[in-house]
Amino acid sequence: MFTDCFATMGHMGWLGWLMPLAVLLLLGLGIAALIKYLFSSSKGDRS
């Protein structure tokens, strides 16, 4: 499975490497924003 994925990424060139990295980056930013929102809202409820 991984070999097929790497072969496809190699065929696509730089775009094949950029897309998964961009998806991971957006996913990480989304999770970080969600955690920040949850912590800020819980602090706001206490005060």
C-alpha atoms as a PDB file:
ATOM      1  CA  MET A   1       0.000   0.000   0.000  1.00  0.00           C
ATOM      2  CA  PHE A   2       2.725   2.449   0.962  1.00  0.00           C
ATOM      3  CA  THR A   3       4.797   1.584  -2.108  1.00  0.00           C
ATOM      4  CA  ASP A   4       1.840   2.374  -4.370  1.00  0.00           C
ATOM      5  CA  CYS A   5       1.312   5.655  -2.540  1.00  0.00           C
ATOM      6  CA  PHE A   6       4.974   6.633  -2.853  1.00  0.00           C
ATOM      7  CA  ALA A   7       5.022   5.641  -6.525  1.00  0.00           C
ATOM      8  CA  THR A   8       1.997   7.861  -7.190  1.00  0.00           C
ATOM      9  CA  MET A   9       3.553  10.728  -5.230  1.00  0.00           C
ATOM     10  CA  GLY A  10       6.790  10.321  -7.186  1.00  0.00           C
ATOM     11  CA  HIS A  11       4.887  10.397 -10.473  1.00  0.00           C
ATOM     12  CA  MET A  12       3.059  13.613  -9.538  1.00  0.00           C
ATOM     13  CA  GLY A  13       6.310  15.333  -8.601  1.00  0.00           C
ATOM     14  CA  TRP A  14       6.312  18.176  -6.064  1.00  0.00           C
ATOM     15  CA  LEU A  15       2.508  18.391  -6.067  1.00  0.00           C
ATOM     16  CA  GLY A  16       2.298  14.790  -4.853  1.00  0.00           C
ATOM     17  CA  TRP A  17       4.404  15.698  -1.824  1.00  0.00           C
ATOM     18  CA  LEU A  18       2.786  19.087  -1.235  1.00  0.00           C
ATOM     19  CA  MET A  19      -0.824  17.894  -1.083  1.00  0.00           C
ATOM     20  CA  PRO A  20      -0.494  15.403   1.824  1.00  0.00           C
ATOM     21  CA  LEU A  21       1.651  17.884   3.749  1.00  0.00           C
ATOM     22  CA  ALA A  22      -0.941  20.627   3.196  1.00  0.00           C
ATOM     23  CA  VAL A  23      -3.721  18.307   4.389  1.00  0.00           C
ATOM     24  CA  LEU A  24      -1.746  17.383   7.511  1.00  0.00           C
ATOM     25  CA  LEU A  25      -0.983  21.052   8.168  1.00  0.00           C
ATOM     26  CA  LEU A  26      -4.635  22.071   7.846  1.00  0.00           C
ATOM     27  CA  LEU A  27      -5.685  19.154  10.045  1.00  0.00           C
ATOM     28  CA  GLY A  28      -3.150  20.153  12.703  1.00  0.00           C
ATOM     29  CA  LEU A  29      -4.232  23.785  12.609  1.00  0.00           C
ATOM     30  CA  GLY A  30      -7.886  22.750  12.875  1.00  0.00           C
ATOM     31  CA  ILE A  31      -7.195  20.558  15.895  1.00  0.00           C
ATOM     32  CA  ALA A  32      -5.098  23.292  17.527  1.00  0.00           C
ATOM     33  CA  ALA A  33      -7.859  25.849  16.951  1.00  0.00           C
ATOM     34  CA  LEU A  34     -10.460  23.463  18.380  1.00  0.00           C
ATOM     35  CA  ILE A  35      -8.368  22.807  21.503  1.00  0.00           C
ATOM     36  CA  LYS A  36      -7.712  26.531  21.942  1.00  0.00           C
ATOM     37  CA  TYR A  37     -11.436  27.259  21.572  1.00  0.00           C
ATOM     38  CA  LEU A  38     -12.395  24.566  24.078  1.00  0.00           C
ATOM     39  CA  PHE A  39      -9.870  25.776  26.661  1.00  0.00           C
ATOM     40  CA  SER A  40     -10.773  29.453  26.206  1.00  0.00           C
ATOM     41  CA  SER A  41     -14.514  28.754  26.495  1.00  0.00           C
ATOM     42  CA  SER A  42     -14.038  26.672  29.659  1.00  0.00           C
ATOM     43  CA  LYS A  43     -11.982  29.475  31.229  1.00  0.00           C
ATOM     44  CA  GLY A  44     -14.674  31.973  30.274  1.00  0.00           C
ATOM     45  CA  ASP A  45     -17.358  29.905  31.993  1.00  0.00           C
ATOM     46  CA  ARG A  46     -15.487  29.820  35.290  1.00  0.00           C
ATOM     47  CA  SER A  47     -15.003  33.567  35.628  1.00  0.00           C
END
